[in-house]
PDB file of N, CA and C in Angstrom:
ATOM      1  N   MET A   1      21.062  42.224  17.193  1.00  0.00           N
ATOM      2  CA  MET A   1      20.103  40.799  17.653  1.00  0.00           C
ATOM      3  C   MET A   1      20.301  40.306  18.954  1.00  0.00           C
ATOM      4  N   LYS A   2      19.039  40.052  19.543  1.00  0.00           N
ATOM      5  CA  LYS A   2      19.036  39.020  20.990  1.00  0.00           C
ATOM      6  C   LYS A   2      19.629  37.745  20.783  1.00  0.00           C
ATOM      7  N   PRO A   3      20.066  38.021  22.066  1.00  0.00           N
ATOM      8  CA  PRO A   3      21.012  36.778  22.445  1.00  0.00           C
ATOM      9  C   PRO A   3      20.118  35.563  22.261  1.00  0.00           C
ATOM     10  N   CYS A   4      18.825  35.365  22.425  1.00  0.00           N
ATOM     11  CA  CYS A   4      18.140  34.233  22.176  1.00  0.00           C
ATOM     12  C   CYS A   4      18.067  33.822  20.661  1.00  0.00           C
ATOM     13  N   HIS A   5      17.813  34.889  19.818  1.00  0.00           N
ATOM     14  CA  HIS A   5      18.082  34.979  18.514  1.00  0.00           C
ATOM     15  C   HIS A   5      19.548  34.184  17.815  1.00  0.00           C
ATOM     16  N   ALA A   6      20.549  34.596  18.099  1.00  0.00           N
ATOM     17  CA  ALA A   6      21.658  34.229  18.269  1.00  0.00           C
ATOM     18  C   ALA A   6      22.067  33.061  18.467  1.00  0.00           C
ATOM     19  N   ALA A   7      21.545  32.443  19.671  1.00  0.00           N
ATOM     20  CA  ALA A   7      21.558  30.888  20.036  1.00  0.00           C
ATOM     21  C   ALA A   7      20.948  30.110  19.285  1.00  0.00           C
ATOM     22  N   ALA A   8      19.657  30.653  18.661  1.00  0.00           N
ATOM     23  CA  ALA A   8      19.177  29.819  17.766  1.00  0.00           C
ATOM     24  C   ALA A   8      19.748  29.473  16.681  1.00  0.00           C
ATOM     25  N   LEU A   9      20.238  30.828  16.061  1.00  0.00           N
ATOM     26  CA  LEU A   9      20.975  30.992  14.603  1.00  0.00           C
ATOM     27  C   LEU A   9      22.131  29.791  14.788  1.00  0.00           C
ATOM     28  N   ALA A  10      23.082  29.312  15.942  1.00  0.00           N
ATOM     29  CA  ALA A  10      23.654  28.519  15.942  1.00  0.00           C
ATOM     30  C   ALA A  10      23.427  27.086  15.991  1.00  0.00           C
ATOM     31  N   LEU A  11      22.302  26.965  16.374  1.00  0.00           N
ATOM     32  CA  LEU A  11      22.139  25.357  16.378  1.00  0.00           C
ATOM     33  C   LEU A  11      21.475  24.797  14.800  1.00  0.00           C
ATOM     34  N   VAL A  12      21.691  26.076  13.807  1.00  0.00           N
ATOM     35  CA  VAL A  12      21.372  25.463  12.062  1.00  0.00           C
ATOM     36  C   VAL A  12      22.339  24.998  11.587  1.00  0.00           C
ATOM     37  N   GLY A  13      22.259  23.509  11.177  1.00  0.00           N
ATOM     38  CA  GLY A  13      22.908  23.171  10.161  1.00  0.00           C
ATOM     39  C   GLY A  13      22.412  23.111   8.824  1.00  0.00           C
ATOM     40  N   TRP A  14      23.470  22.322   8.005  1.00  0.00           N
ATOM     41  CA  TRP A  14      22.941  22.231   6.860  1.00  0.00           C
ATOM     42  C   TRP A  14      22.989  20.798   6.342  1.00  0.00           C
ATOM     43  N   TYR A  15      21.732  20.499   5.410  1.00  0.00           N
ATOM     44  CA  TYR A  15      22.089  19.332   4.504  1.00  0.00           C
ATOM     45  C   TYR A  15      22.136  19.253   3.351  1.00  0.00           C
ATOM     46  N   LEU A  16      23.087  18.722   2.695  1.00  0.00           N
ATOM     47  CA  LEU A  16      23.011  18.474   1.122  1.00  0.00           C
ATOM     48  C   LEU A  16      22.066  17.573   0.760  1.00  0.00           C
ATOM     49  N   MET A  17      20.851  17.853   0.148  1.00  0.00           N
ATOM     50  CA  MET A  17      20.042  17.036  -0.037  1.00  0.00           C
ATOM     51  C   MET A  17      19.928  16.703  -1.715  1.00  0.00           C
ATOM     52  N   GLY A  18      19.344  15.495  -2.449  1.00  0.00           N
ATOM     53  CA  GLY A  18      19.154  15.004  -3.615  1.00  0.00           C
ATOM     54  C   GLY A  18      17.677  14.420  -3.681  1.00  0.00           C
ATOM     55  N   PRO A  19      16.892  14.998  -4.698  1.00  0.00           N
ATOM     56  CA  PRO A  19      15.606  14.104  -4.993  1.00  0.00           C
ATOM     57  C   PRO A  19      15.850  12.560  -4.646  1.00  0.00           C
ATOM     58  N   PRO A  20      14.812  11.810  -4.195  1.00  0.00           N
ATOM     59  CA  PRO A  20      14.676  10.255  -4.038  1.00  0.00           C
ATOM     60  C   PRO A  20      14.808   9.839  -5.498  1.00  0.00           C
ATOM     61  N   VAL A  21      16.001   8.605  -5.293  1.00  0.00           N
ATOM     62  CA  VAL A  21      15.971   7.575  -6.541  1.00  0.00           C
ATOM     63  C   VAL A  21      14.611   6.886  -6.388  1.00  0.00           C
ATOM     64  N   ARG A  22      13.767   6.481  -7.292  1.00  0.00           N
ATOM     65  CA  ARG A  22      12.816   5.514  -6.699  1.00  0.00           C
ATOM     66  C   ARG A  22      13.262   3.984  -7.743  1.00  0.00           C
ATOM     67  N   GLN A  23      12.642   3.152  -7.360  1.00  0.00           N
ATOM     68  CA  GLN A  23      13.298   1.715  -7.925  1.00  0.00           C
ATOM     69  C   GLN A  23      12.001   0.830  -7.892  1.00  0.00           C
ATOM     70  N   PRO A  24      11.294   0.982  -8.837  1.00  0.00           N
ATOM     71  CA  PRO A  24       9.783   0.468  -8.686  1.00  0.00           C
ATOM     72  C   PRO A  24      10.349  -1.469  -8.855  1.00  0.00           C
ATOM     73  N   LYS A  25       9.732  -1.684  -8.708  1.00  0.00           N
ATOM     74  CA  LYS A  25      10.049  -3.496  -8.789  1.00  0.00           C
ATOM     75  C   LYS A  25       9.857  -3.959 -10.084  1.00  0.00           C
ATOM     76  N   ASN A  26      10.833  -4.539 -10.777  1.00  0.00           N
ATOM     77  CA  ASN A  26      11.058  -5.083 -11.940  1.00  0.00           C
ATOM     78  C   ASN A  26      11.075  -3.976 -13.232  1.00  0.00           C
ATOM     79  N   GLU A  27      11.453  -2.057 -12.267  1.00  0.00           N
ATOM     80  CA  GLU A  27      11.189  -1.201 -13.215  1.00  0.00           C
ATOM     81  C   GLU A  27      12.972  -0.656 -13.046  1.00  0.00           C
ATOM     82  N   GLU A  28      13.197   0.231 -13.649  1.00  0.00           N
ATOM     83  CA  GLU A  28      14.592   0.696 -14.036  1.00  0.00           C
ATOM     84  C   GLU A  28      14.370   1.916 -12.860  1.00  0.00           C
ATOM     85  N   PRO A  29      15.451   2.135 -11.808  1.00  0.00           N
ATOM     86  CA  PRO A  29      15.344   3.355 -11.411  1.00  0.00           C
ATOM     87  C   PRO A  29      15.483   4.569 -11.827  1.00  0.00           C
ATOM     88  N   TYR A  30      14.656   5.279 -11.309  1.00  0.00           N
ATOM     89  CA  TYR A  30      14.642   6.690 -11.644  1.00  0.00           C
ATOM     90  C   TYR A  30      14.621   8.161 -10.738  1.00  0.00           C
ATOM     91  N   LEU A  31      15.115   8.896 -11.132  1.00  0.00           N
ATOM     92  CA  LEU A  31      14.921  10.189  -9.945  1.00  0.00           C
ATOM     93  C   LEU A  31      13.351  10.845 -10.117  1.00  0.00           C
ATOM     94  N   ASP A  32      13.033  11.004  -8.842  1.00  0.00           N
ATOM     95  CA  ASP A  32      12.079  11.577  -8.912  1.00  0.00           C
ATOM     96  C   ASP A  32      11.954  13.113  -8.480  1.00  0.00           C
ATOM     97  N   GLU A  33      12.081  13.968  -9.312  1.00  0.00           N
ATOM     98  CA  GLU A  33      12.311  15.652  -9.414  1.00  0.00           C
ATOM     99  C   GLU A  33      10.831  16.345  -8.726  1.00  0.00           C
ATOM    100  N   HIS A  34       9.974  15.306  -9.104  1.00  0.00           N
ATOM    101  CA  HIS A  34       8.601  16.115  -8.437  1.00  0.00           C
ATOM    102  C   HIS A  34       8.470  15.744  -7.203  1.00  0.00           C
ATOM    103  N   ALA A  35       9.510  15.231  -5.903  1.00  0.00           N
ATOM    104  CA  ALA A  35       9.274  14.920  -4.691  1.00  0.00           C
ATOM    105  C   ALA A  35       9.063  15.677  -3.892  1.00  0.00           C
ATOM    106  N   ALA A  36       8.506  15.809  -2.771  1.00  0.00           N
ATOM    107  CA  ALA A  36       8.519  16.878  -1.917  1.00  0.00           C
ATOM    108  C   ALA A  36      10.064  16.888  -0.742  1.00  0.00           C
ATOM    109  N   TYR A  37      10.403  18.327  -0.693  1.00  0.00           N
ATOM    110  CA  TYR A  37      11.572  18.096  -0.137  1.00  0.00           C
ATOM    111  C   TYR A  37      11.569  17.287   0.808  1.00  0.00           C
ATOM    112  N   ARG A  38      10.879  17.269   1.884  1.00  0.00           N
ATOM    113  CA  ARG A  38      10.708  16.081   3.187  1.00  0.00           C
ATOM    114  C   ARG A  38      11.145  14.865   2.610  1.00  0.00           C
ATOM    115  N   ASP A  39      10.479  14.459   1.145  1.00  0.00           N
ATOM    116  CA  ASP A  39      11.390  12.740   0.915  1.00  0.00           C
ATOM    117  C   ASP A  39      12.627  13.010   0.190  1.00  0.00           C
ATOM    118  N   TRP A  40      13.325  14.540   0.166  1.00  0.00           N
ATOM    119  CA  TRP A  40      14.548  14.070  -0.704  1.00  0.00           C
ATOM    120  C   TRP A  40      15.500  13.109   0.323  1.00  0.00           C
ATOM    121  N   LYS A  41      16.443  12.753  -0.135  1.00  0.00           N
ATOM    122  CA  LYS A  41      17.637  12.022   0.602  1.00  0.00           C
ATOM    123  C   LYS A  41      18.829  12.628   0.961  1.00  0.00           C
ATOM    124  N   ILE A  42      18.941  12.784   2.040  1.00  0.00           N
ATOM    125  CA  ILE A  42      20.497  13.299   3.246  1.00  0.00           C
ATOM    126  C   ILE A  42      21.542  12.839   2.519  1.00  0.00           C
ATOM    127  N   LEU A  43      22.457  13.712   1.418  1.00  0.00           N
ATOM    128  CA  LEU A  43      23.753  13.029   1.329  1.00  0.00           C
ATOM    129  C   LEU A  43      24.674  13.190   1.989  1.00  0.00           C
ATOM    130  N   HIS A  44      24.704  14.572   2.889  1.00  0.00           N
ATOM    131  CA  HIS A  44      25.687  14.820   4.112  1.00  0.00           C
ATOM    132  C   HIS A  44      25.253  15.565   4.768  1.00  0.00           C
ATOM    133  N   SER A  45      25.690  16.057   5.697  1.00  0.00           N
ATOM    134  CA  SER A  45      25.177  17.156   7.062  1.00  0.00           C
ATOM    135  C   SER A  45      26.722  18.163   6.892  1.00  0.00           C
ATOM    136  N   PHE A  46      26.199  18.966   7.039  1.00  0.00           N
ATOM    137  CA  PHE A  46      27.251  20.189   7.657  1.00  0.00           C
ATOM    138  C   PHE A  46      27.031  20.945   8.444  1.00  0.00           C
ATOM    139  N   GLU A  47      28.253  21.810   9.069  1.00  0.00           N
ATOM    140  CA  GLU A  47      27.804  22.520   9.884  1.00  0.00           C
ATOM    141  C   GLU A  47      27.624  24.085   9.468  1.00  0.00           C
ATOM    142  N   THR A  48      27.929  24.542   8.406  1.00  0.00           N
ATOM    143  CA  THR A  48      27.974  26.077   7.794  1.00  0.00           C
ATOM    144  C   THR A  48      27.299  25.478   6.653  1.00  0.00           C
ATOM    145  N   GLN A  49      26.775  26.709   5.748  1.00  0.00           N
ATOM    146  CA  GLN A  49      26.434  26.899   4.450  1.00  0.00           C
ATOM    147  C   GLN A  49      27.355  26.907   3.586  1.00  0.00           C
ATOM    148  N   ASN A  50      29.049  27.506   4.163  1.00  0.00           N
ATOM    149  CA  ASN A  50      29.567  27.699   3.048  1.00  0.00           C
ATOM    150  C   ASN A  50      30.526  25.828   2.727  1.00  0.00           C
ATOM    151  N   GLU A  51      30.344  25.210   4.093  1.00  0.00           N
ATOM    152  CA  GLU A  51      30.831  23.715   3.770  1.00  0.00           C
ATOM    153  C   GLU A  51      30.197  23.320   2.619  1.00  0.00           C
ATOM    154  N   CYS A  52      28.753  22.837   2.838  1.00  0.00           N
ATOM    155  CA  CYS A  52      27.480  22.712   1.967  1.00  0.00           C
ATOM    156  C   CYS A  52      27.790  23.366   0.565  1.00  0.00           C
ATOM    157  N   ASN A  53      27.704  24.781   0.547  1.00  0.00           N
ATOM    158  CA  ASN A  53      27.926  24.862  -0.974  1.00  0.00           C
ATOM    159  C   ASN A  53      29.350  23.929  -1.320  1.00  0.00           C
ATOM    160  N   ALA A  54      30.332  23.896  -0.695  1.00  0.00           N
ATOM    161  CA  ALA A  54      31.538  23.730  -1.310  1.00  0.00           C
ATOM    162  C   ALA A  54      31.230  21.555  -1.962  1.00  0.00           C
ATOM    163  N   GLY A  55      30.438  21.467  -0.602  1.00  0.00           N
ATOM    164  CA  GLY A  55      29.924  19.837  -1.065  1.00  0.00           C
ATOM    165  C   GLY A  55      29.307  19.773  -2.298  1.00  0.00           C
ATOM    166  N   GLN A  56      28.337  21.006  -2.414  1.00  0.00           N
ATOM    167  CA  GLN A  56      27.539  20.766  -3.327  1.00  0.00           C
ATOM    168  C   GLN A  56      28.181  21.015  -4.848  1.00  0.00           C
ATOM    169  N   GLN A  57      29.401  21.721  -4.937  1.00  0.00           N
ATOM    170  CA  GLN A  57      29.993  21.956  -5.892  1.00  0.00           C
ATOM    171  C   GLN A  57      30.805  20.721  -6.139  1.00  0.00           C
ATOM    172  N   ARG A  58      31.323  20.013  -5.003  1.00  0.00           N
ATOM    173  CA  ARG A  58      32.290  18.751  -5.495  1.00  0.00           C
ATOM    174  C   ARG A  58      31.146  17.822  -6.388  1.00  0.00           C
ATOM    175  N   GLY A  59      30.147  17.546  -5.656  1.00  0.00           N
ATOM    176  CA  GLY A  59      29.270  16.718  -6.070  1.00  0.00           C
ATOM    177  C   GLY A  59      28.569  16.792  -7.574  1.00  0.00           C
ATOM    178  N   ILE A  60      28.690  17.980  -7.913  1.00  0.00           N
ATOM    179  CA  ILE A  60      28.185  18.611  -9.313  1.00  0.00           C
ATOM    180  C   ILE A  60      28.984  18.411 -10.096  1.00  0.00           C
ATOM    181  N   GLU A  61      30.780  18.587  -9.801  1.00  0.00           N
ATOM    182  CA  GLU A  61      31.563  18.312 -10.922  1.00  0.00           C
ATOM    183  C   GLU A  61      32.194  17.187 -11.161  1.00  0.00           C
ATOM    184  N   ASP A  62      31.832  16.101  -9.989  1.00  0.00           N
ATOM    185  CA  ASP A  62      31.890  14.832  -9.913  1.00  0.00           C
ATOM    186  C   ASP A  62      31.163  13.925 -10.856  1.00  0.00           C
ATOM    187  N   ALA A  63      30.102  14.479 -10.510  1.00  0.00           N
ATOM    188  CA  ALA A  63      28.928  13.913 -11.504  1.00  0.00           C
ATOM    189  C   ALA A  63      29.211  14.626 -12.939  1.00  0.00           C
ATOM    190  N   ASN A  64      29.248  15.701 -13.229  1.00  0.00           N
ATOM    191  CA  ASN A  64      29.553  15.880 -14.959  1.00  0.00           C
ATOM    192  C   ASN A  64      30.903  15.084 -15.038  1.00  0.00           C
ATOM    193  N   LYS A  65      31.618  14.386 -14.436  1.00  0.00           N
ATOM    194  CA  LYS A  65      32.529  13.918 -15.007  1.00  0.00           C
ATOM    195  C   LYS A  65      32.030  11.828 -14.767  1.00  0.00           C
ATOM    196  N   GLY A  66      31.038  11.894 -13.990  1.00  0.00           N
ATOM    197  CA  GLY A  66      30.210  10.632 -14.271  1.00  0.00           C
ATOM    198  C   GLY A  66      30.886   9.571 -13.089  1.00  0.00           C
ATOM    199  N   LYS A  67      31.117  10.700 -12.149  1.00  0.00           N
ATOM    200  CA  LYS A  67      31.513   9.726 -10.597  1.00  0.00           C
ATOM    201  C   LYS A  67      30.584   9.921  -9.587  1.00  0.00           C
ATOM    202  N   LEU A  68      30.508   9.006  -8.974  1.00  0.00           N
ATOM    203  CA  LEU A  68      29.779   9.471  -7.475  1.00  0.00           C
ATOM    204  C   LEU A  68      30.250   9.825  -6.498  1.00  0.00           C
ATOM    205  N   THR A  69      30.060  11.195  -5.550  1.00  0.00           N
ATOM    206  CA  THR A  69      30.746  11.148  -4.769  1.00  0.00           C
ATOM    207  C   THR A  69      30.249  10.483  -3.616  1.00  0.00           C
ATOM    208  N   SER A  70      31.591  10.103  -2.672  1.00  0.00           N
ATOM    209  CA  SER A  70      31.163   9.137  -1.229  1.00  0.00           C
ATOM    210  C   SER A  70      31.291  10.685  -0.557  1.00  0.00           C
ATOM    211  N   PHE A  71      30.339  10.861   0.212  1.00  0.00           N
ATOM    212  CA  PHE A  71      30.420  11.719   1.371  1.00  0.00           C
ATOM    213  C   PHE A  71      30.759  11.421   2.435  1.00  0.00           C
ATOM    214  N   ASP A  72      30.037  10.217   2.898  1.00  0.00           N
ATOM    215  CA  ASP A  72      30.544   9.631   4.322  1.00  0.00           C
ATOM    216  C   ASP A  72      29.872   8.045   3.846  1.00  0.00           C
ATOM    217  N   GLY A  73      30.434   7.057   3.398  1.00  0.00           N
ATOM    218  CA  GLY A  73      30.283   6.202   3.176  1.00  0.00           C
ATOM    219  C   GLY A  73      29.317   5.378   1.589  1.00  0.00           C
ATOM    220  N   GLY A  74      29.108   6.633   1.192  1.00  0.00           N
ATOM    221  CA  GLY A  74      29.080   5.913  -0.482  1.00  0.00           C
ATOM    222  C   GLY A  74      27.470   5.928  -0.830  1.00  0.00           C
ATOM    223  N   PHE A  75      27.072   5.127  -1.822  1.00  0.00           N
ATOM    224  CA  PHE A  75      25.355   5.597  -1.986  1.00  0.00           C
ATOM    225  C   PHE A  75      25.484   4.042  -2.289  1.00  0.00           C
ATOM    226  N   ALA A  76      23.882   3.336  -1.960  1.00  0.00           N
ATOM    227  CA  ALA A  76      23.527   2.239  -1.806  1.00  0.00           C
ATOM    228  C   ALA A  76      22.981   1.894  -3.012  1.00  0.00           C
ATOM    229  N   PHE A  77      23.618   1.060  -4.262  1.00  0.00           N
ATOM    230  CA  PHE A  77      23.296   0.833  -5.208  1.00  0.00           C
ATOM    231  C   PHE A  77      23.911  -0.666  -5.660  1.00  0.00           C
ATOM    232  N   VAL A  78      23.313  -1.610  -6.581  1.00  0.00           N
ATOM    233  CA  VAL A  78      23.958  -2.486  -7.203  1.00  0.00           C
ATOM    234  C   VAL A  78      25.051  -1.973  -8.131  1.00  0.00           C
ATOM    235  N   LEU A  79      25.900  -2.472  -7.995  1.00  0.00           N
ATOM    236  CA  LEU A  79      26.729  -1.985  -9.159  1.00  0.00           C
ATOM    237  C   LEU A  79      26.780  -2.206 -10.652  1.00  0.00           C
ATOM    238  N   ASP A  80      26.016  -3.193 -10.754  1.00  0.00           N
ATOM    239  CA  ASP A  80      25.698  -3.569 -12.363  1.00  0.00           C
ATOM    240  C   ASP A  80      24.343  -2.713 -12.936  1.00  0.00           C
ATOM    241  N   GLU A  81      23.966  -2.075 -12.111  1.00  0.00           N
ATOM    242  CA  GLU A  81      22.776  -0.940 -12.516  1.00  0.00           C
ATOM    243  C   GLU A  81      23.497   0.341 -13.211  1.00  0.00           C
ATOM    244  N   ASP A  82      22.706   0.888 -14.016  1.00  0.00           N
ATOM    245  CA  ASP A  82      23.269   2.270 -14.638  1.00  0.00           C
ATOM    246  C   ASP A  82      23.153   3.475 -12.951  1.00  0.00           C
ATOM    247  N   PRO A  83      23.968   4.015 -13.307  1.00  0.00           N
ATOM    248  CA  PRO A  83      24.213   4.664 -12.156  1.00  0.00           C
ATOM    249  C   PRO A  83      23.932   6.086 -12.501  1.00  0.00           C
ATOM    250  N   LYS A  84      23.174   6.318 -13.726  1.00  0.00           N
ATOM    251  CA  LYS A  84      22.416   7.634 -14.276  1.00  0.00           C
ATOM    252  C   LYS A  84      21.722   8.214 -13.409  1.00  0.00           C
ATOM    253  N   PRO A  85      20.560   7.625 -12.736  1.00  0.00           N
ATOM    254  CA  PRO A  85      19.700   8.258 -11.361  1.00  0.00           C
ATOM    255  C   PRO A  85      20.384   8.866 -10.205  1.00  0.00           C
ATOM    256  N   TRP A  86      21.625   8.056  -9.942  1.00  0.00           N
ATOM    257  CA  TRP A  86      22.299   8.693  -8.603  1.00  0.00           C
ATOM    258  C   TRP A  86      23.264   9.813  -9.150  1.00  0.00           C
ATOM    259  N   LEU A  87      23.553   9.543 -10.171  1.00  0.00           N
ATOM    260  CA  LEU A  87      24.389  10.903 -10.768  1.00  0.00           C
ATOM    261  C   LEU A  87      23.598  12.048 -11.112  1.00  0.00           C
ATOM    262  N   ASP A  88      22.632  11.993 -11.628  1.00  0.00           N
ATOM    263  CA  ASP A  88      21.403  13.142 -11.608  1.00  0.00           C
ATOM    264  C   ASP A  88      20.976  13.932  -9.838  1.00  0.00           C
ATOM    265  N   GLN A  89      20.915  12.427  -9.281  1.00  0.00           N
ATOM    266  CA  GLN A  89      20.614  12.749  -7.668  1.00  0.00           C
ATOM    267  C   GLN A  89      21.695  14.064  -7.379  1.00  0.00           C
ATOM    268  N   GLN A  90      23.002  13.509  -7.496  1.00  0.00           N
ATOM    269  CA  GLN A  90      24.045  14.267  -6.934  1.00  0.00           C
ATOM    270  C   GLN A  90      23.791  15.863  -7.612  1.00  0.00           C
ATOM    271  N   PHE A  91      24.034  15.984  -8.845  1.00  0.00           N
ATOM    272  CA  PHE A  91      23.485  17.057  -9.742  1.00  0.00           C
ATOM    273  C   PHE A  91      22.645  18.210  -9.665  1.00  0.00           C
ATOM    274  N   GLU A  92      21.614  17.363  -8.991  1.00  0.00           N
ATOM    275  CA  GLU A  92      20.512  18.236  -8.603  1.00  0.00           C
ATOM    276  C   GLU A  92      20.150  18.318  -6.983  1.00  0.00           C
ATOM    277  N   ALA A  93      21.193  17.957  -6.230  1.00  0.00           N
ATOM    278  CA  ALA A  93      21.154  18.350  -4.924  1.00  0.00           C
ATOM    279  C   ALA A  93      21.169  20.066  -4.293  1.00  0.00           C
ATOM    280  N   GLU A  94      20.531  19.771  -3.757  1.00  0.00           N
ATOM    281  CA  GLU A  94      20.532  21.317  -2.669  1.00  0.00           C
ATOM    282  C   GLU A  94      20.646  21.080  -1.411  1.00  0.00           C
ATOM    283  N   CYS A  95      21.457  22.726  -1.166  1.00  0.00           N
ATOM    284  CA  CYS A  95      21.737  22.696   0.384  1.00  0.00           C
ATOM    285  C   CYS A  95      21.030  23.856   0.798  1.00  0.00           C
ATOM    286  N   ILE A  96      19.903  22.638   2.272  1.00  0.00           N
ATOM    287  CA  ILE A  96      19.184  23.073   2.628  1.00  0.00           C
ATOM    288  C   ILE A  96      19.325  23.413   4.211  1.00  0.00           C
ATOM    289  N   ALA A  97      18.746  24.279   5.059  1.00  0.00           N
ATOM    290  CA  ALA A  97      19.235  24.023   6.278  1.00  0.00           C
ATOM    291  C   ALA A  97      18.058  23.521   6.969  1.00  0.00           C
ATOM    292  N   THR A  98      18.802  22.661   8.354  1.00  0.00           N
ATOM    293  CA  THR A  98      18.105  21.600   8.721  1.00  0.00           C
ATOM    294  C   THR A  98      16.601  22.222   9.366  1.00  0.00           C
ATOM    295  N   ASP A  99      16.502  23.357  10.012  1.00  0.00           N
ATOM    296  CA  ASP A  99      15.367  24.048  10.398  1.00  0.00           C
ATOM    297  C   ASP A  99      14.362  24.666   9.130  1.00  0.00           C
ATOM    298  N   ASP A 100      14.576  24.165   8.035  1.00  0.00           N
ATOM    299  CA  ASP A 100      13.842  24.794   6.915  1.00  0.00           C
ATOM    300  C   ASP A 100      12.520  23.982   7.058  1.00  0.00           C
ATOM    301  N   PRO A 101      11.424  25.084   7.171  1.00  0.00           N
ATOM    302  CA  PRO A 101      10.221  24.458   7.311  1.00  0.00           C
ATOM    303  C   PRO A 101       9.215  23.307   6.264  1.00  0.00           C
ATOM    304  N   ARG A 102      10.080  23.379   4.948  1.00  0.00           N
ATOM    305  CA  ARG A 102       9.873  22.207   3.762  1.00  0.00           C
ATOM    306  C   ARG A 102       9.915  21.135   4.071  1.00  0.00           C
ATOM    307  N   LEU A 103      10.792  20.631   5.146  1.00  0.00           N
ATOM    308  CA  LEU A 103      11.185  19.288   5.807  1.00  0.00           C
ATOM    309  C   LEU A 103      10.483  19.233   6.744  1.00  0.00           C
ATOM    310  N   LYS A 104       9.585  19.206   7.111  1.00  0.00           N
ATOM    311  CA  LYS A 104       8.918  18.974   8.128  1.00  0.00           C
ATOM    312  C   LYS A 104       7.829  17.840   7.787  1.00  0.00           C
ATOM    313  N   GLY A 105       7.885  16.839   8.874  1.00  0.00           N
ATOM    314  CA  GLY A 105       6.731  15.752   8.195  1.00  0.00           C
ATOM    315  C   GLY A 105       7.967  14.354   8.066  1.00  0.00           C
ATOM    316  N   LYS A 106       8.943  15.044   8.064  1.00  0.00           N
ATOM    317  CA  LYS A 106      10.391  13.821   7.584  1.00  0.00           C
ATOM    318  C   LYS A 106      10.427  13.315   8.984  1.00  0.00           C
TER     319      LYS A 106
END
């Protein structure tokens, strides 16, 4: 591997991202599973793919228990709302490299 390629790889980080929760006025919030990756919400940033995968697994396990994972500051939603869309977001989250071309335009 050329030194310039090694340097480029070292700069790649990882996002744990989930589809956005949409909240139309006067309607129930819902998970937009058809949104483009550039519109997904960054739930947390990680330095390595292994760290991201561990965070993803933690989020899935918590979502299966009905618990929202607070990676850094928690989720913003009104507590009297049904947390299901946010649990679904956490369950559907994916690890995506910060240089992934699907994120262009963000």
